[in-house]
Amino acid sequence: MEPVSGAALAATVVPLATGAAGEPGAAAWAALAEFAARHDVAGRELDAVEDLPGDPARVAAFTEVLTALADRDPQAAAWLGTWLAEADRIVDVPHLPQTATDPVHGSVTQPDADPR
């Protein structure tokens, strides 16, 4: 199983937390919140994201706690990986390749890659 990427989590968390992904997104968000509560992690960070879901610093703090949990607990990593794959389909998060083979014009910004 691939390691859980904080950048991939963040890209998925924002639309879920803001409600932009509708009812399926709300269900995915509830599952992630329950997971965090079950593991007794990220309580403050989760509350902060729910208070202001579009704040990048709050989302980063929340996803950092989750990726740290995944790094030390293989079962948590497996659950998060499965959750992320399912949630990505809900929010339709594109996963761009890490390298470009054609000419690129303008600015390109890409967080750490999450190869799948």
PDB file of N, CA and C in Angstrom:
ATOM      1  N   MET A   1       0.850  -1.185   0.000  1.00  0.00           N
ATOM      2  CA  MET A   1       0.000   0.000   0.000  1.00  0.00           C
ATOM      3  C   MET A   1       0.888   1.238   0.000  1.00  0.00           C
ATOM      4  N   GLU A   2       0.506   2.200  -0.807  1.00  0.00           N
ATOM      5  CA  GLU A   2       1.232   3.467  -0.883  1.00  0.00           C
ATOM      6  C   GLU A   2       1.073   4.243   0.418  1.00  0.00           C
ATOM      7  N   PRO A   3       2.095   5.001   0.813  1.00  0.00           N
ATOM      8  CA  PRO A   3       1.936   5.853   1.993  1.00  0.00           C
ATOM      9  C   PRO A   3       0.846   6.901   1.751  1.00  0.00           C
ATOM     10  N   VAL A   4       0.170   7.277   2.827  1.00  0.00           N
ATOM     11  CA  VAL A   4      -0.875   8.293   2.733  1.00  0.00           C
ATOM     12  C   VAL A   4      -0.208   9.653   2.611  1.00  0.00           C
ATOM     13  N   SER A   5      -0.559  10.391   1.588  1.00  0.00           N
ATOM     14  CA  SER A   5       0.030  11.702   1.320  1.00  0.00           C
ATOM     15  C   SER A   5      -0.793  12.801   1.979  1.00  0.00           C
ATOM     16  N   GLY A   6      -0.112  13.670   2.710  1.00  0.00           N
ATOM     17  CA  GLY A   6      -0.780  14.816   3.319  1.00  0.00           C
ATOM     18  C   GLY A   6      -1.399  15.724   2.277  1.00  0.00           C
ATOM     19  N   ALA A   7      -0.719  15.898   1.151  1.00  0.00           N
ATOM     20  CA  ALA A   7      -1.244  16.756   0.084  1.00  0.00           C
ATOM     21  C   ALA A   7      -2.515  16.164  -0.515  1.00  0.00           C
ATOM     22  N   ALA A   8      -2.529  14.848  -0.715  1.00  0.00           N
ATOM     23  CA  ALA A   8      -3.725  14.201  -1.254  1.00  0.00           C
ATOM     24  C   ALA A   8      -4.878  14.294  -0.262  1.00  0.00           C
ATOM     25  N   LEU A   9      -4.565  14.094   1.019  1.00  0.00           N
ATOM     26  CA  LEU A   9      -5.607  14.240   2.044  1.00  0.00           C
ATOM     27  C   LEU A   9      -6.169  15.656   2.046  1.00  0.00           C
ATOM     28  N   ALA A  10      -5.284  16.640   2.016  1.00  0.00           N
ATOM     29  CA  ALA A  10      -5.727  18.041   2.056  1.00  0.00           C
ATOM     30  C   ALA A  10      -6.607  18.372   0.857  1.00  0.00           C
ATOM     31  N   ALA A  11      -6.219  17.898  -0.319  1.00  0.00           N
ATOM     32  CA  ALA A  11      -6.995  18.182  -1.530  1.00  0.00           C
ATOM     33  C   ALA A  11      -8.387  17.567  -1.461  1.00  0.00           C
ATOM     34  N   THR A  12      -8.516  16.495  -0.712  1.00  0.00           N
ATOM     35  CA  THR A  12      -9.805  15.829  -0.572  1.00  0.00           C
ATOM     36  C   THR A  12     -10.606  16.397   0.585  1.00  0.00           C
ATOM     37  N   VAL A  13      -9.924  16.746   1.672  1.00  0.00           N
ATOM     38  CA  VAL A  13     -10.599  17.230   2.880  1.00  0.00           C
ATOM     39  C   VAL A  13     -11.342  18.542   2.637  1.00  0.00           C
ATOM     40  N   VAL A  14     -10.736  19.467   1.914  1.00  0.00           N
ATOM     41  CA  VAL A  14     -11.353  20.795   1.760  1.00  0.00           C
ATOM     42  C   VAL A  14     -12.757  20.723   1.154  1.00  0.00           C
ATOM     43  N   PRO A  15     -12.962  20.065   0.001  1.00  0.00           N
ATOM     44  CA  PRO A  15     -14.325  20.035  -0.529  1.00  0.00           C
ATOM     45  C   PRO A  15     -15.305  19.277   0.367  1.00  0.00           C
ATOM     46  N   LEU A  16     -14.804  18.278   1.091  1.00  0.00           N
ATOM     47  CA  LEU A  16     -15.688  17.546   1.991  1.00  0.00           C
ATOM     48  C   LEU A  16     -16.086  18.415   3.174  1.00  0.00           C
ATOM     49  N   ALA A  17     -15.111  19.077   3.774  1.00  0.00           N
ATOM     50  CA  ALA A  17     -15.374  19.890   4.965  1.00  0.00           C
ATOM     51  C   ALA A  17     -16.228  21.112   4.655  1.00  0.00           C
ATOM     52  N   THR A  18     -16.097  21.651   3.453  1.00  0.00           N
ATOM     53  CA  THR A  18     -16.872  22.846   3.097  1.00  0.00           C
ATOM     54  C   THR A  18     -18.284  22.510   2.634  1.00  0.00           C
ATOM     55  N   GLY A  19     -18.552  21.235   2.423  1.00  0.00           N
ATOM     56  CA  GLY A  19     -19.876  20.838   1.955  1.00  0.00           C
ATOM     57  C   GLY A  19     -20.024  20.887   0.453  1.00  0.00           C
ATOM     58  N   ALA A  20     -18.939  21.166  -0.258  1.00  0.00           N
ATOM     59  CA  ALA A  20     -18.997  21.296  -1.715  1.00  0.00           C
ATOM     60  C   ALA A  20     -19.267  19.966  -2.414  1.00  0.00           C
ATOM     61  N   ALA A  21     -19.110  18.854  -1.707  1.00  0.00           N
ATOM     62  CA  ALA A  21     -19.297  17.545  -2.330  1.00  0.00           C
ATOM     63  C   ALA A  21     -20.667  16.947  -2.036  1.00  0.00           C
ATOM     64  N   GLY A  22     -21.583  17.752  -1.512  1.00  0.00           N
ATOM     65  CA  GLY A  22     -22.954  17.303  -1.294  1.00  0.00           C
ATOM     66  C   GLY A  22     -23.084  16.227  -0.229  1.00  0.00           C
ATOM     67  N   GLU A  23     -24.174  15.475  -0.326  1.00  0.00           N
ATOM     68  CA  GLU A  23     -24.479  14.441   0.668  1.00  0.00           C
ATOM     69  C   GLU A  23     -23.430  13.325   0.700  1.00  0.00           C
ATOM     70  N   PRO A  24     -22.957  12.828  -0.453  1.00  0.00           N
ATOM     71  CA  PRO A  24     -21.908  11.809  -0.387  1.00  0.00           C
ATOM     72  C   PRO A  24     -20.647  12.334   0.312  1.00  0.00           C
ATOM     73  N   GLY A  25     -20.331  13.596   0.078  1.00  0.00           N
ATOM     74  CA  GLY A  25     -19.182  14.202   0.741  1.00  0.00           C
ATOM     75  C   GLY A  25     -19.383  14.321   2.235  1.00  0.00           C
ATOM     76  N   ALA A  26     -20.606  14.647   2.640  1.00  0.00           N
ATOM     77  CA  ALA A  26     -20.911  14.743   4.068  1.00  0.00           C
ATOM     78  C   ALA A  26     -20.736  13.388   4.742  1.00  0.00           C
ATOM     79  N   ALA A  27     -21.139  12.323   4.065  1.00  0.00           N
ATOM     80  CA  ALA A  27     -20.970  10.979   4.620  1.00  0.00           C
ATOM     81  C   ALA A  27     -19.490  10.615   4.724  1.00  0.00           C
ATOM     82  N   ALA A  28     -18.711  10.964   3.710  1.00  0.00           N
ATOM     83  CA  ALA A  28     -17.269  10.689   3.748  1.00  0.00           C
ATOM     84  C   ALA A  28     -16.600  11.496   4.852  1.00  0.00           C
ATOM     85  N   TRP A  29     -17.010  12.760   5.010  1.00  0.00           N
ATOM     86  CA  TRP A  29     -16.458  13.616   6.064  1.00  0.00           C
ATOM     87  C   TRP A  29     -16.790  13.031   7.438  1.00  0.00           C
ATOM     88  N   ALA A  30     -18.025  12.577   7.618  1.00  0.00           N
ATOM     89  CA  ALA A  30     -18.437  11.982   8.892  1.00  0.00           C
ATOM     90  C   ALA A  30     -17.617  10.731   9.196  1.00  0.00           C
ATOM     91  N   ALA A  31     -17.337   9.934   8.173  1.00  0.00           N
ATOM     92  CA  ALA A  31     -16.526   8.733   8.374  1.00  0.00           C
ATOM     93  C   ALA A  31     -15.113   9.098   8.811  1.00  0.00           C
ATOM     94  N   LEU A  32     -14.544  10.141   8.215  1.00  0.00           N
ATOM     95  CA  LEU A  32     -13.195  10.564   8.598  1.00  0.00           C
ATOM     96  C   LEU A  32     -13.183  11.124  10.013  1.00  0.00           C
ATOM     97  N   ALA A  33     -14.200  11.895  10.364  1.00  0.00           N
ATOM     98  CA  ALA A  33     -14.293  12.443  11.720  1.00  0.00           C
ATOM     99  C   ALA A  33     -14.429  11.319  12.742  1.00  0.00           C
ATOM    100  N   GLU A  34     -15.220  10.305  12.414  1.00  0.00           N
ATOM    101  CA  GLU A  34     -15.384   9.152  13.306  1.00  0.00           C
ATOM    102  C   GLU A  34     -14.065   8.393  13.447  1.00  0.00           C
ATOM    103  N   PHE A  35     -13.348   8.235  12.340  1.00  0.00           N
ATOM    104  CA  PHE A  35     -12.034   7.581  12.369  1.00  0.00           C
ATOM    105  C   PHE A  35     -11.089   8.329  13.303  1.00  0.00           C
ATOM    106  N   ALA A  36     -11.043   9.651  13.177  1.00  0.00           N
ATOM    107  CA  ALA A  36     -10.164  10.458  14.034  1.00  0.00           C
ATOM    108  C   ALA A  36     -10.566  10.309  15.498  1.00  0.00           C
ATOM    109  N   ALA A  37     -11.861  10.314  15.775  1.00  0.00           N
ATOM    110  CA  ALA A  37     -12.336  10.162  17.154  1.00  0.00           C
ATOM    111  C   ALA A  37     -12.015   8.770  17.691  1.00  0.00           C
ATOM    112  N   ARG A  38     -12.187   7.757  16.861  1.00  0.00           N
ATOM    113  CA  ARG A  38     -11.916   6.376  17.271  1.00  0.00           C
ATOM    114  C   ARG A  38     -10.453   6.189  17.657  1.00  0.00           C
ATOM    115  N   HIS A  39      -9.578   6.901  16.971  1.00  0.00           N
ATOM    116  CA  HIS A  39      -8.146   6.798  17.259  1.00  0.00           C
ATOM    117  C   HIS A  39      -7.687   7.862  18.245  1.00  0.00           C
ATOM    118  N   ASP A  40      -8.626   8.654  18.729  1.00  0.00           N
ATOM    119  CA  ASP A  40      -8.341   9.706  19.711  1.00  0.00           C
ATOM    120  C   ASP A  40      -7.215  10.626  19.232  1.00  0.00           C
ATOM    121  N   VAL A  41      -7.301  11.014  17.960  1.00  0.00           N
ATOM    122  CA  VAL A  41      -6.325  11.948  17.387  1.00  0.00           C
ATOM    123  C   VAL A  41      -7.063  13.091  16.707  1.00  0.00           C
ATOM    124  N   ALA A  42      -6.415  14.184  16.608  1.00  0.00           N
ATOM    125  CA  ALA A  42      -6.857  15.314  15.784  1.00  0.00           C
ATOM    126  C   ALA A  42      -8.155  15.957  16.241  1.00  0.00           C
ATOM    127  N   GLY A  43      -8.530  15.804  17.496  1.00  0.00           N
ATOM    128  CA  GLY A  43      -9.769  16.414  17.978  1.00  0.00           C
ATOM    129  C   GLY A  43      -9.789  17.920  17.802  1.00  0.00           C
ATOM    130  N   ARG A  44      -8.748  18.587  18.297  1.00  0.00           N
ATOM    131  CA  ARG A  44      -8.665  20.052  18.153  1.00  0.00           C
ATOM    132  C   ARG A  44      -8.565  20.445  16.695  1.00  0.00           C
ATOM    133  N   GLU A  45      -7.731  19.721  15.956  1.00  0.00           N
ATOM    134  CA  GLU A  45      -7.528  20.043  14.543  1.00  0.00           C
ATOM    135  C   GLU A  45      -8.812  19.842  13.736  1.00  0.00           C
ATOM    136  N   LEU A  46      -9.543  18.785  14.045  1.00  0.00           N
ATOM    137  CA  LEU A  46     -10.812  18.531  13.366  1.00  0.00           C
ATOM    138  C   LEU A  46     -11.808  19.647  13.659  1.00  0.00           C
ATOM    139  N   ASP A  47     -11.909  20.036  14.927  1.00  0.00           N
ATOM    140  CA  ASP A  47     -12.806  21.137  15.298  1.00  0.00           C
ATOM    141  C   ASP A  47     -12.426  22.423  14.569  1.00  0.00           C
ATOM    142  N   ALA A  48     -11.112  22.676  14.461  1.00  0.00           N
ATOM    143  CA  ALA A  48     -10.646  23.893  13.788  1.00  0.00           C
ATOM    144  C   ALA A  48     -11.029  23.882  12.312  1.00  0.00           C
ATOM    145  N   VAL A  49     -10.899  22.730  11.654  1.00  0.00           N
ATOM    146  CA  VAL A  49     -11.280  22.626  10.240  1.00  0.00           C
ATOM    147  C   VAL A  49     -12.788  22.805  10.091  1.00  0.00           C
ATOM    148  N   GLU A  50     -13.553  22.222  10.998  1.00  0.00           N
ATOM    149  CA  GLU A  50     -15.008  22.371  10.905  1.00  0.00           C
ATOM    150  C   GLU A  50     -15.441  23.820  11.134  1.00  0.00           C
ATOM    151  N   ASP A  51     -14.691  24.550  11.982  1.00  0.00           N
ATOM    152  CA  ASP A  51     -15.005  25.960  12.219  1.00  0.00           C
ATOM    153  C   ASP A  51     -14.701  26.828  11.003  1.00  0.00           C
ATOM    154  N   LEU A  52     -13.602  26.531  10.312  1.00  0.00           N
ATOM    155  CA  LEU A  52     -13.184  27.321   9.153  1.00  0.00           C
ATOM    156  C   LEU A  52     -12.582  26.368   8.115  1.00  0.00           C
ATOM    157  N   PRO A  53     -13.425  25.632   7.366  1.00  0.00           N
ATOM    158  CA  PRO A  53     -12.957  24.546   6.514  1.00  0.00           C
ATOM    159  C   PRO A  53     -12.039  24.939   5.364  1.00  0.00           C
ATOM    160  N   GLY A  54     -12.058  26.164   4.931  1.00  0.00           N
ATOM    161  CA  GLY A  54     -11.209  26.557   3.811  1.00  0.00           C
ATOM    162  C   GLY A  54      -9.845  27.069   4.214  1.00  0.00           C
ATOM    163  N   ASP A  55      -9.532  27.076   5.499  1.00  0.00           N
ATOM    164  CA  ASP A  55      -8.261  27.619   5.980  1.00  0.00           C
ATOM    165  C   ASP A  55      -7.136  26.608   5.754  1.00  0.00           C
ATOM    166  N   PRO A  56      -6.180  26.930   4.877  1.00  0.00           N
ATOM    167  CA  PRO A  56      -5.114  25.978   4.559  1.00  0.00           C
ATOM    168  C   PRO A  56      -4.296  25.544   5.773  1.00  0.00           C
ATOM    169  N   ALA A  57      -4.041  26.447   6.703  1.00  0.00           N
ATOM    170  CA  ALA A  57      -3.245  26.091   7.881  1.00  0.00           C
ATOM    171  C   ALA A  57      -3.989  25.081   8.751  1.00  0.00           C
ATOM    172  N   ARG A  58      -5.287  25.262   8.897  1.00  0.00           N
ATOM    173  CA  ARG A  58      -6.081  24.328   9.709  1.00  0.00           C
ATOM    174  C   ARG A  58      -6.169  22.961   9.031  1.00  0.00           C
ATOM    175  N   VAL A  59      -6.370  22.970   7.730  1.00  0.00           N
ATOM    176  CA  VAL A  59      -6.428  21.710   6.990  1.00  0.00           C
ATOM    177  C   VAL A  59      -5.080  21.000   7.076  1.00  0.00           C
ATOM    178  N   ALA A  60      -3.988  21.750   6.932  1.00  0.00           N
ATOM    179  CA  ALA A  60      -2.652  21.153   7.007  1.00  0.00           C
ATOM    180  C   ALA A  60      -2.402  20.534   8.376  1.00  0.00           C
ATOM    181  N   ALA A  61      -2.791  21.226   9.439  1.00  0.00           N
ATOM    182  CA  ALA A  61      -2.594  20.687  10.788  1.00  0.00           C
ATOM    183  C   ALA A  61      -3.378  19.386  10.966  1.00  0.00           C
ATOM    184  N   PHE A  62      -4.603  19.357  10.467  1.00  0.00           N
ATOM    185  CA  PHE A  62      -5.440  18.160  10.567  1.00  0.00           C
ATOM    186  C   PHE A  62      -4.828  17.001   9.789  1.00  0.00           C
ATOM    187  N   THR A  63      -4.432  17.257   8.545  1.00  0.00           N
ATOM    188  CA  THR A  63      -3.883  16.176   7.725  1.00  0.00           C
ATOM    189  C   THR A  63      -2.518  15.719   8.221  1.00  0.00           C
ATOM    190  N   GLU A  64      -1.743  16.608   8.836  1.00  0.00           N
ATOM    191  CA  GLU A  64      -0.452  16.200   9.408  1.00  0.00           C
ATOM    192  C   GLU A  64      -0.649  15.187  10.528  1.00  0.00           C
ATOM    193  N   VAL A  65      -1.647  15.413  11.373  1.00  0.00           N
ATOM    194  CA  VAL A  65      -1.927  14.465  12.453  1.00  0.00           C
ATOM    195  C   VAL A  65      -2.351  13.115  11.871  1.00  0.00           C
ATOM    196  N   LEU A  66      -3.187  13.149  10.842  1.00  0.00           N
ATOM    197  CA  LEU A  66      -3.642  11.901  10.232  1.00  0.00           C
ATOM    198  C   LEU A  66      -2.502  11.157   9.543  1.00  0.00           C
ATOM    199  N   THR A  67      -1.636  11.861   8.835  1.00  0.00           N
ATOM    200  CA  THR A  67      -0.520  11.174   8.173  1.00  0.00           C
ATOM    201  C   THR A  67       0.472  10.640   9.192  1.00  0.00           C
ATOM    202  N   ALA A  68       0.655  11.338  10.308  1.00  0.00           N
ATOM    203  CA  ALA A  68       1.536  10.827  11.369  1.00  0.00           C
ATOM    204  C   ALA A  68       0.964   9.532  11.940  1.00  0.00           C
ATOM    205  N   LEU A  69      -0.343   9.487  12.134  1.00  0.00           N
ATOM    206  CA  LEU A  69      -0.987   8.256  12.603  1.00  0.00           C
ATOM    207  C   LEU A  69      -0.773   7.137  11.590  1.00  0.00           C
ATOM    208  N   ALA A  70      -0.971   7.432  10.319  1.00  0.00           N
ATOM    209  CA  ALA A  70      -0.788   6.430   9.266  1.00  0.00           C
ATOM    210  C   ALA A  70       0.651   5.934   9.216  1.00  0.00           C
ATOM    211  N   ASP A  71       1.609   6.813   9.485  1.00  0.00           N
ATOM    212  CA  ASP A  71       3.019   6.424   9.461  1.00  0.00           C
ATOM    213  C   ASP A  71       3.358   5.420  10.558  1.00  0.00           C
ATOM    214  N   ARG A  72       2.662   5.492  11.683  1.00  0.00           N
ATOM    215  CA  ARG A  72       3.013   4.606  12.803  1.00  0.00           C
ATOM    216  C   ARG A  72       2.044   3.435  12.990  1.00  0.00           C
ATOM    217  N   ASP A  73       0.911   3.448  12.290  1.00  0.00           N
ATOM    218  CA  ASP A  73      -0.097   2.403  12.473  1.00  0.00           C
ATOM    219  C   ASP A  73      -0.539   1.870  11.111  1.00  0.00           C
ATOM    220  N   PRO A  74      -0.067   0.669  10.738  1.00  0.00           N
ATOM    221  CA  PRO A  74      -0.405   0.121   9.419  1.00  0.00           C
ATOM    222  C   PRO A  74      -1.906  -0.048   9.185  1.00  0.00           C
ATOM    223  N   GLN A  75      -2.660  -0.389  10.228  1.00  0.00           N
ATOM    224  CA  GLN A  75      -4.109  -0.534  10.056  1.00  0.00           C
ATOM    225  C   GLN A  75      -4.760   0.818   9.775  1.00  0.00           C
ATOM    226  N   ALA A  76      -4.301   1.847  10.470  1.00  0.00           N
ATOM    227  CA  ALA A  76      -4.820   3.195  10.217  1.00  0.00           C
ATOM    228  C   ALA A  76      -4.453   3.633   8.802  1.00  0.00           C
ATOM    229  N   ALA A  77      -3.232   3.309   8.384  1.00  0.00           N
ATOM    230  CA  ALA A  77      -2.799   3.667   7.028  1.00  0.00           C
ATOM    231  C   ALA A  77      -3.674   2.981   5.985  1.00  0.00           C
ATOM    232  N   ALA A  78      -3.988   1.709   6.213  1.00  0.00           N
ATOM    233  CA  ALA A  78      -4.834   0.979   5.262  1.00  0.00           C
ATOM    234  C   ALA A  78      -6.231   1.596   5.202  1.00  0.00           C
ATOM    235  N   TRP A  79      -6.790   1.931   6.373  1.00  0.00           N
ATOM    236  CA  TRP A  79      -8.123   2.530   6.390  1.00  0.00           C
ATOM    237  C   TRP A  79      -8.104   3.875   5.675  1.00  0.00           C
ATOM    238  N   LEU A  80      -7.111   4.710   5.989  1.00  0.00           N
ATOM    239  CA  LEU A  80      -7.026   6.028   5.350  1.00  0.00           C
ATOM    240  C   LEU A  80      -6.831   5.909   3.844  1.00  0.00           C
ATOM    241  N   GLY A  81      -6.007   4.954   3.420  1.00  0.00           N
ATOM    242  CA  GLY A  81      -5.796   4.758   1.987  1.00  0.00           C
ATOM    243  C   GLY A  81      -7.082   4.390   1.267  1.00  0.00           C
ATOM    244  N   THR A  82      -7.849   3.485   1.868  1.00  0.00           N
ATOM    245  CA  THR A  82      -9.135   3.091   1.292  1.00  0.00           C
ATOM    246  C   THR A  82     -10.114   4.257   1.305  1.00  0.00           C
ATOM    247  N   TRP A  83     -10.173   4.956   2.443  1.00  0.00           N
ATOM    248  CA  TRP A  83     -11.073   6.115   2.551  1.00  0.00           C
ATOM    249  C   TRP A  83     -10.720   7.165   1.499  1.00  0.00           C
ATOM    250  N   LEU A  84      -9.423   7.434   1.341  1.00  0.00           N
ATOM    251  CA  LEU A  84      -8.978   8.455   0.396  1.00  0.00           C
ATOM    252  C   LEU A  84      -9.354   8.080  -1.032  1.00  0.00           C
ATOM    253  N   ALA A  85      -9.174   6.816  -1.393  1.00  0.00           N
ATOM    254  CA  ALA A  85      -9.533   6.376  -2.747  1.00  0.00           C
ATOM    255  C   ALA A  85     -11.027   6.569  -3.001  1.00  0.00           C
ATOM    256  N   GLU A  86     -11.846   6.231  -2.010  1.00  0.00           N
ATOM    257  CA  GLU A  86     -13.292   6.393  -2.164  1.00  0.00           C
ATOM    258  C   GLU A  86     -13.687   7.871  -2.168  1.00  0.00           C
ATOM    259  N   ALA A  87     -13.101   8.648  -1.268  1.00  0.00           N
ATOM    260  CA  ALA A  87     -13.429  10.076  -1.178  1.00  0.00           C
ATOM    261  C   ALA A  87     -12.962  10.830  -2.420  1.00  0.00           C
ATOM    262  N   ASP A  88     -11.837  10.421  -2.988  1.00  0.00           N
ATOM    263  CA  ASP A  88     -11.353  11.057  -4.221  1.00  0.00           C
ATOM    264  C   ASP A  88     -12.380  10.941  -5.337  1.00  0.00           C
ATOM    265  N   ARG A  89     -13.047   9.808  -5.404  1.00  0.00           N
ATOM    266  CA  ARG A  89     -14.075   9.630  -6.443  1.00  0.00           C
ATOM    267  C   ARG A  89     -15.258  10.567  -6.205  1.00  0.00           C
ATOM    268  N   ILE A  90     -15.546  10.844  -4.937  1.00  0.00           N
ATOM    269  CA  ILE A  90     -16.661  11.737  -4.613  1.00  0.00           C
ATOM    270  C   ILE A  90     -16.338  13.166  -5.031  1.00  0.00           C
ATOM    271  N   VAL A  91     -15.118  13.606  -4.720  1.00  0.00           N
ATOM    272  CA  VAL A  91     -14.762  15.001  -5.007  1.00  0.00           C
ATOM    273  C   VAL A  91     -14.047  15.152  -6.337  1.00  0.00           C
ATOM    274  N   ASP A  92     -13.747  14.032  -7.000  1.00  0.00           N
ATOM    275  CA  ASP A  92     -13.097  14.044  -8.306  1.00  0.00           C
ATOM    276  C   ASP A  92     -11.781  14.812  -8.273  1.00  0.00           C
ATOM    277  N   VAL A  93     -10.899  14.423  -7.344  1.00  0.00           N
ATOM    278  CA  VAL A  93      -9.586  15.058  -7.217  1.00  0.00           C
ATOM    279  C   VAL A  93      -8.668  14.497  -8.295  1.00  0.00           C
ATOM    280  N   PRO A  94      -8.145  15.352  -9.163  1.00  0.00           N
ATOM    281  CA  PRO A  94      -7.218  14.851 -10.179  1.00  0.00           C
ATOM    282  C   PRO A  94      -5.851  14.574  -9.569  1.00  0.00           C
ATOM    283  N   HIS A  95      -5.232  13.500  -9.983  1.00  0.00           N
ATOM    284  CA  HIS A  95      -3.867  13.204  -9.551  1.00  0.00           C
ATOM    285  C   HIS A  95      -2.970  13.363 -10.767  1.00  0.00           C
ATOM    286  N   LEU A  96      -2.211  14.429 -10.760  1.00  0.00           N
ATOM    287  CA  LEU A  96      -1.360  14.756 -11.892  1.00  0.00           C
ATOM    288  C   LEU A  96      -0.068  13.958 -11.837  1.00  0.00           C
ATOM    289  N   PRO A  97       0.486  13.633 -12.990  1.00  0.00           N
ATOM    290  CA  PRO A  97       1.779  12.952 -12.972  1.00  0.00           C
ATOM    291  C   PRO A  97       2.848  13.874 -12.402  1.00  0.00           C
ATOM    292  N   GLN A  98       3.881  13.264 -11.842  1.00  0.00           N
ATOM    293  CA  GLN A  98       4.938  14.053 -11.220  1.00  0.00           C
ATOM    294  C   GLN A  98       5.818  14.741 -12.263  1.00  0.00           C
ATOM    295  N   THR A  99       5.882  14.207 -13.460  1.00  0.00           N
ATOM    296  CA  THR A  99       6.720  14.810 -14.492  1.00  0.00           C
ATOM    297  C   THR A  99       5.866  15.153 -15.709  1.00  0.00           C
ATOM    298  N   ALA A 100       6.317  16.142 -16.448  1.00  0.00           N
ATOM    299  CA  ALA A 100       5.640  16.538 -17.681  1.00  0.00           C
ATOM    300  C   ALA A 100       6.550  16.193 -18.846  1.00  0.00           C
ATOM    301  N   THR A 101       5.974  15.646 -19.906  1.00  0.00           N
ATOM    302  CA  THR A 101       6.783  15.276 -21.061  1.00  0.00           C
ATOM    303  C   THR A 101       6.658  16.276 -22.200  1.00  0.00           C
ATOM    304  N   ASP A 102       5.624  17.086 -22.183  1.00  0.00           N
ATOM    305  CA  ASP A 102       5.430  18.098 -23.212  1.00  0.00           C
ATOM    306  C   ASP A 102       5.891  19.449 -22.680  1.00  0.00           C
ATOM    307  N   PRO A 103       6.086  20.422 -23.568  1.00  0.00           N
ATOM    308  CA  PRO A 103       6.474  21.751 -23.091  1.00  0.00           C
ATOM    309  C   PRO A 103       5.418  22.323 -22.143  1.00  0.00           C
ATOM    310  N   VAL A 104       5.892  22.984 -21.120  1.00  0.00           N
ATOM    311  CA  VAL A 104       5.008  23.605 -20.138  1.00  0.00           C
ATOM    312  C   VAL A 104       5.268  25.094 -20.174  1.00  0.00           C
ATOM    313  N   HIS A 105       4.206  25.874 -20.308  1.00  0.00           N
ATOM    314  CA  HIS A 105       4.326  27.323 -20.345  1.00  0.00           C
ATOM    315  C   HIS A 105       3.607  27.896 -19.139  1.00  0.00           C
ATOM    316  N   GLY A 106       4.206  28.880 -18.514  1.00  0.00           N
ATOM    317  CA  GLY A 106       3.587  29.492 -17.338  1.00  0.00           C
ATOM    318  C   GLY A 106       4.052  28.811 -16.069  1.00  0.00           C
ATOM    319  N   SER A 107       3.363  29.101 -14.999  1.00  0.00           N
ATOM    320  CA  SER A 107       3.727  28.554 -13.695  1.00  0.00           C
ATOM    321  C   SER A 107       3.032  27.223 -13.464  1.00  0.00           C
ATOM    322  N   VAL A 108       3.762  26.296 -12.906  1.00  0.00           N
ATOM    323  CA  VAL A 108       3.211  25.004 -12.535  1.00  0.00           C
ATOM    324  C   VAL A 108       3.543  24.777 -11.077  1.00  0.00           C
ATOM    325  N   THR A 109       2.522  24.540 -10.279  1.00  0.00           N
ATOM    326  CA  THR A 109       2.718  24.250  -8.868  1.00  0.00           C
ATOM    327  C   THR A 109       2.087  22.908  -8.584  1.00  0.00           C
ATOM    328  N   GLN A 110       2.869  22.010  -8.008  1.00  0.00           N
ATOM    329  CA  GLN A 110       2.340  20.701  -7.680  1.00  0.00           C
ATOM    330  C   GLN A 110       2.934  20.263  -6.356  1.00  0.00           C
ATOM    331  N   PRO A 111       2.074  19.934  -5.370  1.00  0.00           N
ATOM    332  CA  PRO A 111       2.586  19.433  -4.098  1.00  0.00           C
ATOM    333  C   PRO A 111       3.204  18.063  -4.309  1.00  0.00           C
ATOM    334  N   ASP A 112       3.765  17.500  -3.241  1.00  0.00           N
ATOM    335  CA  ASP A 112       4.404  16.206  -3.382  1.00  0.00           C
ATOM    336  C   ASP A 112       3.452  15.243  -4.077  1.00  0.00           C
ATOM    337  N   ALA A 113       3.993  14.494  -4.998  1.00  0.00           N
ATOM    338  CA  ALA A 113       3.178  13.631  -5.844  1.00  0.00           C
ATOM    339  C   ALA A 113       2.645  12.446  -5.052  1.00  0.00           C
ATOM    340  N   ASP A 114       1.482  11.965  -5.470  1.00  0.00           N
ATOM    341  CA  ASP A 114       0.853  10.812  -4.865  1.00  0.00           C
ATOM    342  C   ASP A 114       0.602   9.812  -5.985  1.00  0.00           C
ATOM    343  N   PRO A 115       1.634   9.053  -6.401  1.00  0.00           N
ATOM    344  CA  PRO A 115       1.456   8.146  -7.537  1.00  0.00           C
ATOM    345  C   PRO A 115       0.463   7.049  -7.193  1.00  0.00           C
ATOM    346  N   ARG A 116      -0.402   6.758  -8.125  1.00  0.00           N
ATOM    347  CA  ARG A 116      -1.413   5.699  -7.908  1.00  0.00           C
ATOM    348  C   ARG A 116      -1.419   4.770  -9.070  1.00  0.00           C
TER     349      ARG A 116
END
